[in-house]
Amino acid sequence: MALTIPTKDAKRQSLLVDGLRILAFQSWKIEEGRVLEDSLKSQGAYSYLDEVYSVFLAEFKKLEIHQFTFAELSKYITEDLGYTLNDILQIRSEYYNKRKNSATPRQTQSQAQNDFGNDELF
């Protein structure tokens, strides 16, 4: 595996896609996730939260935003969704700050990693 250093646009694009994931999950969880969660709970599923998120993530990965260039993603966010790029980055930042502040003292570094397995270093 070759070592690569992402461009500034590639890095920002990655952060924006992660922000859209957070925004989409918040909406999806309210609209569809609760029904699925209730169904899994009633079936006695032990790790129903993981199952709920995995259903969402499978759908999220199908979105065409993953093939967009930085310019296409920027246009999609600003023109189609009506957000600024900073709005999406702020949503992402607030999510991880909230998550970090709610972590228990026993939580390890690996448990504090984000959902894509990357440390919150940006």
C-alpha atoms as a PDB file:
ATOM      1  CA  MET A   1       0.000   0.000   0.000  1.00  0.00           C
ATOM      2  CA  ALA A   2       1.454   3.302  -1.098  1.00  0.00           C
ATOM      3  CA  LEU A   3       1.588   6.242   1.236  1.00  0.00           C
ATOM      4  CA  THR A   4      -0.343   9.213  -0.091  1.00  0.00           C
ATOM      5  CA  ILE A   5      -0.840  12.696   1.248  1.00  0.00           C
ATOM      6  CA  PRO A   6      -4.274  14.046   0.398  1.00  0.00           C
ATOM      7  CA  THR A   7      -4.663  17.430  -1.193  1.00  0.00           C
ATOM      8  CA  LYS A   8      -6.296  20.164   0.830  1.00  0.00           C
ATOM      9  CA  ASP A   9      -9.458  19.797  -1.273  1.00  0.00           C
ATOM     10  CA  ALA A  10      -9.478  16.008  -0.823  1.00  0.00           C
ATOM     11  CA  LYS A  11      -9.136  16.397   2.933  1.00  0.00           C
ATOM     12  CA  ARG A  12     -11.899  18.992   3.085  1.00  0.00           C
ATOM     13  CA  GLN A  13     -14.083  16.817   0.843  1.00  0.00           C
ATOM     14  CA  SER A  14     -13.655  13.914   3.247  1.00  0.00           C
ATOM     15  CA  LEU A  15     -14.688  16.125   6.169  1.00  0.00           C
ATOM     16  CA  LEU A  16     -17.723  17.382   4.246  1.00  0.00           C
ATOM     17  CA  VAL A  17     -18.867  13.863   3.362  1.00  0.00           C
ATOM     18  CA  ASP A  18     -18.507  12.906   7.034  1.00  0.00           C
ATOM     19  CA  GLY A  19     -20.569  15.978   7.993  1.00  0.00           C
ATOM     20  CA  LEU A  20     -23.251  14.955   5.501  1.00  0.00           C
ATOM     21  CA  ARG A  21     -23.225  11.449   6.997  1.00  0.00           C
ATOM     22  CA  ILE A  22     -23.896  12.915  10.434  1.00  0.00           C
ATOM     23  CA  LEU A  23     -26.637  15.196   9.117  1.00  0.00           C
ATOM     24  CA  ALA A  24     -28.244  12.367   7.150  1.00  0.00           C
ATOM     25  CA  PHE A  25     -28.133   9.980  10.103  1.00  0.00           C
ATOM     26  CA  GLN A  26     -29.772  12.504  12.418  1.00  0.00           C
ATOM     27  CA  SER A  27     -32.642  12.856   9.957  1.00  0.00           C
ATOM     28  CA  TRP A  28     -32.829   9.162   9.064  1.00  0.00           C
ATOM     29  CA  LYS A  29     -32.828   8.116  12.713  1.00  0.00           C
ATOM     30  CA  ILE A  30     -35.910  10.248  13.358  1.00  0.00           C
ATOM     31  CA  GLU A  31     -37.751   9.152  10.234  1.00  0.00           C
ATOM     32  CA  GLU A  32     -36.850   5.489   9.798  1.00  0.00           C
ATOM     33  CA  GLY A  33     -34.374   4.389  12.400  1.00  0.00           C
ATOM     34  CA  ARG A  34     -36.787   4.501  15.329  1.00  0.00           C
ATOM     35  CA  VAL A  35     -39.134   2.020  13.665  1.00  0.00           C
ATOM     36  CA  LEU A  36     -36.260  -0.337  12.917  1.00  0.00           C
ATOM     37  CA  GLU A  37     -34.846   0.119  16.427  1.00  0.00           C
ATOM     38  CA  ASP A  38     -38.223  -0.695  18.020  1.00  0.00           C
ATOM     39  CA  SER A  39     -38.589  -3.758  15.812  1.00  0.00           C
ATOM     40  CA  LEU A  40     -35.123  -5.048  16.719  1.00  0.00           C
ATOM     41  CA  LYS A  41     -35.679  -4.377  20.427  1.00  0.00           C
ATOM     42  CA  SER A  42     -38.945  -6.311  20.372  1.00  0.00           C
ATOM     43  CA  GLN A  43     -37.114  -9.237  18.760  1.00  0.00           C
ATOM     44  CA  GLY A  44     -34.591  -9.172  21.595  1.00  0.00           C
ATOM     45  CA  ALA A  45     -31.689  -8.140  19.414  1.00  0.00           C
ATOM     46  CA  TYR A  46     -28.687  -7.554  21.650  1.00  0.00           C
ATOM     47  CA  SER A  47     -26.812  -5.049  19.541  1.00  0.00           C
ATOM     48  CA  TYR A  48     -29.758  -3.348  17.886  1.00  0.00           C
ATOM     49  CA  LEU A  49     -28.035   0.053  17.778  1.00  0.00           C
ATOM     50  CA  ASP A  50     -25.197  -1.388  15.694  1.00  0.00           C
ATOM     51  CA  GLU A  51     -27.729  -3.053  13.424  1.00  0.00           C
ATOM     52  CA  VAL A  52     -29.708   0.180  13.010  1.00  0.00           C
ATOM     53  CA  TYR A  53     -26.556   2.095  12.110  1.00  0.00           C
ATOM     54  CA  SER A  54     -25.367  -0.598   9.704  1.00  0.00           C
ATOM     55  CA  VAL A  55     -28.672  -0.360   7.804  1.00  0.00           C
ATOM     56  CA  PHE A  56     -28.238   3.408   7.541  1.00  0.00           C
ATOM     57  CA  LEU A  57     -24.574   3.179   6.540  1.00  0.00           C
ATOM     58  CA  ALA A  58     -25.314   0.709   3.752  1.00  0.00           C
ATOM     59  CA  GLU A  59     -27.834   3.174   2.324  1.00  0.00           C
ATOM     60  CA  PHE A  60     -25.515   6.157   2.824  1.00  0.00           C
ATOM     61  CA  LYS A  61     -22.693   4.456   0.929  1.00  0.00           C
ATOM     62  CA  LYS A  62     -24.988   4.149  -2.105  1.00  0.00           C
ATOM     63  CA  LEU A  63     -25.348   7.928  -2.426  1.00  0.00           C
ATOM     64  CA  GLU A  64     -23.694   9.485  -5.458  1.00  0.00           C
ATOM     65  CA  ILE A  65     -21.901  12.062  -3.293  1.00  0.00           C
ATOM     66  CA  HIS A  66     -19.090   9.550  -2.851  1.00  0.00           C
ATOM     67  CA  GLN A  67     -18.213   9.891  -6.546  1.00  0.00           C
ATOM     68  CA  PHE A  68     -18.437  13.697  -6.617  1.00  0.00           C
ATOM     69  CA  THR A  69     -15.412  15.878  -7.149  1.00  0.00           C
ATOM     70  CA  PHE A  70     -14.817  18.599  -4.566  1.00  0.00           C
ATOM     71  CA  ALA A  71     -16.437  21.159  -6.884  1.00  0.00           C
ATOM     72  CA  GLU A  72     -19.491  18.928  -7.452  1.00  0.00           C
ATOM     73  CA  LEU A  73     -19.845  18.248  -3.734  1.00  0.00           C
ATOM     74  CA  SER A  74     -19.550  21.955  -2.929  1.00  0.00           C
ATOM     75  CA  LYS A  75     -22.219  22.789  -5.505  1.00  0.00           C
ATOM     76  CA  TYR A  76     -24.498  20.027  -4.198  1.00  0.00           C
ATOM     77  CA  ILE A  77     -24.207  21.273  -0.612  1.00  0.00           C
ATOM     78  CA  THR A  78     -24.718  24.945  -1.400  1.00  0.00           C
ATOM     79  CA  GLU A  79     -27.213  24.807  -4.273  1.00  0.00           C
ATOM     80  CA  ASP A  80     -29.179  21.603  -3.739  1.00  0.00           C
ATOM     81  CA  LEU A  81     -29.146  21.405   0.059  1.00  0.00           C
ATOM     82  CA  GLY A  82     -28.932  25.121   0.855  1.00  0.00           C
ATOM     83  CA  TYR A  83     -26.090  24.844   3.374  1.00  0.00           C
ATOM     84  CA  THR A  84     -22.732  26.546   3.305  1.00  0.00           C
ATOM     85  CA  LEU A  85     -19.628  24.377   3.468  1.00  0.00           C
ATOM     86  CA  ASN A  86     -18.930  25.883   6.877  1.00  0.00           C
ATOM     87  CA  ASP A  87     -22.429  24.854   8.048  1.00  0.00           C
ATOM     88  CA  ILE A  88     -21.622  21.210   7.289  1.00  0.00           C
ATOM     89  CA  LEU A  89     -18.184  21.448   8.894  1.00  0.00           C
ATOM     90  CA  GLN A  90     -19.791  23.039  11.975  1.00  0.00           C
ATOM     91  CA  ILE A  91     -22.371  20.236  12.234  1.00  0.00           C
ATOM     92  CA  ARG A  92     -19.516  17.741  12.110  1.00  0.00           C
ATOM     93  CA  SER A  93     -17.455  19.633  14.679  1.00  0.00           C
ATOM     94  CA  GLU A  94     -20.381  19.955  17.096  1.00  0.00           C
ATOM     95  CA  TYR A  95     -21.150  16.247  16.759  1.00  0.00           C
ATOM     96  CA  TYR A  96     -17.615  15.187  17.646  1.00  0.00           C
ATOM     97  CA  ASN A  97     -17.309  17.761  20.452  1.00  0.00           C
ATOM     98  CA  LYS A  98     -20.563  16.499  21.955  1.00  0.00           C
ATOM     99  CA  ARG A  99     -19.391  12.925  21.575  1.00  0.00           C
ATOM    100  CA  LYS A 100     -16.015  13.682  23.157  1.00  0.00           C
ATOM    101  CA  ASN A 101     -17.619  15.507  26.085  1.00  0.00           C
ATOM    102  CA  SER A 102     -20.048  12.673  26.751  1.00  0.00           C
ATOM    103  CA  ALA A 103     -17.328   9.998  26.780  1.00  0.00           C
ATOM    104  CA  THR A 104     -16.954   8.158  30.044  1.00  0.00           C
ATOM    105  CA  PRO A 105     -13.557   8.050  31.779  1.00  0.00           C
ATOM    106  CA  ARG A 106     -13.317   4.343  30.958  1.00  0.00           C
ATOM    107  CA  GLN A 107     -13.685   4.951  27.257  1.00  0.00           C
ATOM    108  CA  THR A 108     -10.501   4.051  25.457  1.00  0.00           C
ATOM    109  CA  GLN A 109      -8.878   5.801  22.522  1.00  0.00           C
ATOM    110  CA  SER A 110     -10.164   3.139  20.148  1.00  0.00           C
ATOM    111  CA  GLN A 111     -13.719   3.635  21.400  1.00  0.00           C
ATOM    112  CA  ALA A 112     -13.406   7.386  20.844  1.00  0.00           C
ATOM    113  CA  GLN A 113     -12.661   6.907  17.157  1.00  0.00           C
ATOM    114  CA  ASN A 114     -15.268   8.092  14.725  1.00  0.00           C
ATOM    115  CA  ASP A 115     -17.553   5.790  12.791  1.00  0.00           C
ATOM    116  CA  PHE A 116     -15.118   5.478   9.903  1.00  0.00           C
ATOM    117  CA  GLY A 117     -12.315   4.396  12.234  1.00  0.00           C
ATOM    118  CA  ASN A 118     -10.382   7.659  12.045  1.00  0.00           C
ATOM    119  CA  ASP A 119      -9.174   9.492  15.075  1.00  0.00           C
ATOM    120  CA  GLU A 120     -10.640  12.928  15.567  1.00  0.00           C
ATOM    121  CA  LEU A 121      -7.491  14.827  14.644  1.00  0.00           C
ATOM    122  CA  PHE A 122      -8.737  17.393  12.154  1.00  0.00           C
END
